[in-house]
Amino acid sequence: VTGIYGISALAIGFAGPVAGHLIDHLGPRWLYVVGAAALFVAYAGAAYATELWHFYLALGVFIGFSSACLGNVAQTPLIAIWFKGRVSTVLGIIGGATGIGALIFAPMAQVLIDLYGYRAAYYGLAGVALLLAVPLTILPWRRIEAGRDGTGPGPAATNRKSTRLNSSHVSESRMP
């Protein structure tokens, strides 16, 4: 089991730059959807696992990739837009919430495993991940990307027609 966590940590490290590229070119909406889809694949894959390496792939690689997409890479630019001057405080609150979520989620997963078996528990977790993807696609992302005051943090170098985050910037530009 500790090997899976090690693979997951490596996957987060390798996937972080990929997630950064995705947010620059696709925007946060699709980065969150890709992350939720990877989470679905991870849990569904674990439910179908018959060999140890299947768990390494599903829970190591896909959870790591999902964490990179749903974690700081996606959160930090949005936090910088919405909470100018209080980014550290908000990141601290999110870090605390992440720890509380782990304290709740891990025992809940164990209860599901004890009651229904690991396959059914992972199917359930895959369903939750899939349900997360739906609202992520319909959130008002242009408004979210624009920030509290509607101006965003400033110009960016993207060639997308719609508003997109580029590192810590928002832009309106036209496709050729």
Protein backbone atom coordinates (compact mmCIF):
# COMPACT_ATOMS: atom_id res chain seq x y z
CA VAL A 1 0.00 0.00 0.00
CA THR A 2 2.81 2.45 0.76
CA GLY A 3 4.15 1.85 -2.75
CA ILE A 4 0.86 3.14 -4.15
CA TYR A 5 1.29 6.36 -2.19
CA GLY A 6 4.83 6.68 -3.52
CA ILE A 7 3.65 6.21 -7.11
CA SER A 8 0.89 8.74 -6.47
CA ALA A 9 3.40 11.31 -5.20
CA LEU A 10 5.57 10.77 -8.28
CA ALA A 11 2.52 11.09 -10.53
CA ILE A 12 1.60 14.39 -8.87
CA GLY A 13 5.13 15.64 -9.51
CA PHE A 14 5.12 14.64 -13.17
CA ALA A 15 1.51 15.69 -13.80
CA GLY A 16 1.84 19.16 -12.22
CA PRO A 17 3.41 20.74 -15.33
CA VAL A 18 0.83 18.98 -17.53
CA ALA A 19 -1.97 20.38 -15.36
CA GLY A 20 -0.39 23.84 -15.58
CA HIS A 21 -0.33 23.56 -19.37
CA LEU A 22 -3.96 22.43 -19.41
CA ILE A 23 -5.16 25.34 -17.28
CA ASP A 24 -3.27 27.79 -19.48
CA HIS A 25 -4.81 26.42 -22.66
CA LEU A 26 -8.19 25.04 -21.62
CA GLY A 27 -9.03 27.07 -18.53
CA PRO A 28 -10.02 25.89 -15.05
CA ARG A 29 -13.36 24.37 -16.05
CA TRP A 30 -11.77 21.70 -18.17
CA LEU A 31 -8.87 21.15 -15.82
CA TYR A 32 -11.35 20.34 -13.06
CA VAL A 33 -13.36 18.10 -15.41
CA VAL A 34 -10.20 16.26 -16.53
CA GLY A 35 -9.23 15.84 -12.85
CA ALA A 36 -12.67 14.48 -11.92
CA ALA A 37 -12.58 12.14 -14.93
CA ALA A 38 -9.15 10.86 -13.84
CA LEU A 39 -10.56 10.33 -10.36
CA PHE A 40 -13.43 8.33 -11.87
CA VAL A 41 -10.97 6.22 -13.90
CA ALA A 42 -8.86 5.65 -10.79
CA TYR A 43 -11.72 4.36 -8.66
CA ALA A 44 -13.37 2.40 -11.48
CA GLY A 45 -10.00 0.88 -12.30
CA ALA A 46 -9.47 -0.10 -8.68
CA ALA A 47 -12.91 -1.73 -8.64
CA TYR A 48 -11.89 -3.90 -11.61
CA ALA A 49 -8.38 -4.62 -10.31
CA THR A 50 -7.35 -8.26 -10.24
CA GLU A 51 -3.58 -7.82 -9.90
CA LEU A 52 -1.49 -5.66 -7.59
CA TRP A 53 -0.11 -3.61 -10.49
CA HIS A 54 -3.69 -2.64 -11.39
CA PHE A 55 -3.96 -0.90 -8.02
CA TYR A 56 -0.62 0.81 -8.59
CA LEU A 57 -1.84 2.13 -11.91
CA ALA A 58 -5.35 3.08 -10.78
CA LEU A 59 -4.70 4.42 -7.29
CA GLY A 60 -1.12 5.52 -7.86
CA VAL A 61 -0.94 7.06 -11.34
CA PHE A 62 -4.55 8.16 -11.86
CA ILE A 63 -5.09 9.47 -8.33
CA GLY A 64 -1.78 11.35 -8.65
CA PHE A 65 -2.81 12.88 -11.98
CA SER A 66 -6.23 13.72 -10.56
CA SER A 67 -4.65 15.38 -7.52
CA ALA A 68 -2.46 17.50 -9.78
CA CYS A 69 -5.51 18.64 -11.77
CA LEU A 70 -7.79 19.28 -8.78
CA GLY A 71 -5.16 20.68 -6.42
CA ASN A 72 -3.00 23.76 -6.19
CA VAL A 73 -2.41 24.15 -9.93
CA ALA A 74 -6.10 24.82 -10.50
CA GLN A 75 -6.84 26.52 -7.19
CA THR A 76 -4.05 29.05 -6.87
CA PRO A 77 -4.83 31.24 -9.93
CA LEU A 78 -8.51 31.38 -8.98
CA ILE A 79 -7.67 32.20 -5.37
CA ALA A 80 -5.30 34.96 -6.53
CA ILE A 81 -8.14 36.52 -8.54
CA TRP A 82 -10.80 36.26 -5.84
CA PHE A 83 -8.81 36.89 -2.68
CA LYS A 84 -6.22 39.51 -3.61
CA GLY A 85 -4.06 40.27 -0.59
CA ARG A 86 -5.30 37.22 1.35
CA VAL A 87 -4.01 34.36 -0.80
CA SER A 88 -1.94 32.80 2.01
CA THR A 89 -4.86 32.80 4.42
CA VAL A 90 -7.18 31.18 1.90
CA LEU A 91 -4.56 28.58 0.92
CA GLY A 92 -4.16 27.80 4.63
CA ILE A 93 -7.91 27.32 5.00
CA ILE A 94 -7.97 25.03 1.96
CA GLY A 95 -5.04 23.06 3.39
CA GLY A 96 -6.92 22.61 6.65
CA ALA A 97 -10.07 21.56 4.82
CA THR A 98 -8.05 19.03 2.85
CA GLY A 99 -6.83 17.48 6.09
CA ILE A 100 -10.34 17.40 7.53
CA GLY A 101 -11.61 15.83 4.30
CA ALA A 102 -8.98 13.09 4.59
CA LEU A 103 -9.99 12.46 8.21
CA ILE A 104 -13.59 11.99 7.10
CA PHE A 105 -13.06 10.31 3.74
CA ALA A 106 -10.60 7.56 4.72
CA PRO A 107 -12.75 6.09 7.54
CA MET A 108 -15.86 6.42 5.37
CA ALA A 109 -14.12 4.47 2.59
CA GLN A 110 -13.11 1.80 5.12
CA VAL A 111 -16.70 1.49 6.35
CA LEU A 112 -17.88 1.04 2.75
CA ILE A 113 -15.22 -1.60 2.17
CA ASP A 114 -16.17 -3.44 5.38
CA LEU A 115 -19.88 -3.35 4.55
CA TYR A 116 -19.87 -3.98 0.81
CA GLY A 117 -16.36 -5.13 -0.18
CA TYR A 118 -13.65 -3.19 -1.95
CA ARG A 119 -15.13 -3.50 -5.45
CA ALA A 120 -18.50 -2.02 -4.46
CA ALA A 121 -16.79 0.69 -2.41
CA TYR A 122 -14.64 1.72 -5.37
CA TYR A 123 -17.67 1.67 -7.67
CA GLY A 124 -19.38 4.03 -5.25
CA LEU A 125 -16.37 6.32 -5.12
CA ALA A 126 -16.20 6.29 -8.93
CA GLY A 127 -19.85 7.34 -9.01
CA VAL A 128 -19.14 10.24 -6.66
CA ALA A 129 -16.26 11.37 -8.91
CA LEU A 130 -18.53 11.21 -11.95
CA LEU A 131 -21.19 13.23 -10.14
CA LEU A 132 -18.55 15.88 -9.36
CA ALA A 133 -17.79 16.36 -13.04
CA VAL A 134 -21.34 17.41 -13.94
CA PRO A 135 -21.59 20.57 -11.82
CA LEU A 136 -18.03 21.49 -12.77
CA THR A 137 -19.10 21.82 -16.39
CA ILE A 138 -22.06 24.11 -15.67
CA LEU A 139 -20.52 26.52 -13.17
CA PRO A 140 -20.35 30.15 -14.41
CA TRP A 141 -16.64 29.91 -15.29
CA ARG A 142 -16.38 33.26 -17.11
CA ARG A 143 -17.59 34.97 -13.95
CA ILE A 144 -15.33 32.84 -11.77
CA GLU A 145 -12.30 33.56 -13.97
CA ALA A 146 -13.08 37.29 -13.92
CA GLY A 147 -12.84 37.45 -10.13
CA ARG A 148 -14.78 39.33 -7.52
CA ASP A 149 -14.43 42.73 -9.16
CA GLY A 150 -14.90 41.38 -12.69
CA THR A 151 -11.55 42.56 -13.98
CA GLY A 152 -9.37 39.52 -13.36
CA PRO A 153 -5.69 40.05 -12.54
CA GLY A 154 -4.66 41.59 -15.88
CA PRO A 155 -3.74 40.73 -19.45
CA ALA A 156 -2.35 37.37 -20.48
CA ALA A 157 -0.75 35.83 -23.50
CA THR A 158 -3.25 33.31 -24.80
CA ASN A 159 -4.75 32.86 -28.23
CA ARG A 160 -8.07 31.45 -27.07
CA LYS A 161 -11.26 33.29 -28.00
CA SER A 162 -12.87 32.93 -24.59
CA THR A 163 -11.66 34.05 -21.19
CA ARG A 164 -8.91 31.74 -19.96
CA LEU A 165 -6.47 31.75 -17.12
CA ASN A 166 -2.82 31.90 -18.04
CA SER A 167 -0.78 31.23 -14.91
CA SER A 168 -2.16 34.10 -12.86
CA HIS A 169 -3.76 36.14 -15.63
CA VAL A 170 -7.07 36.38 -17.44
CA SER A 171 -7.46 37.55 -21.02
CA GLU A 172 -9.93 38.18 -23.77
CA SER A 173 -8.30 37.50 -27.09
CA ARG A 174 -9.43 36.36 -30.50
CA MET A 175 -8.61 33.19 -32.34
CA PRO A 176 -7.39 33.81 -35.92
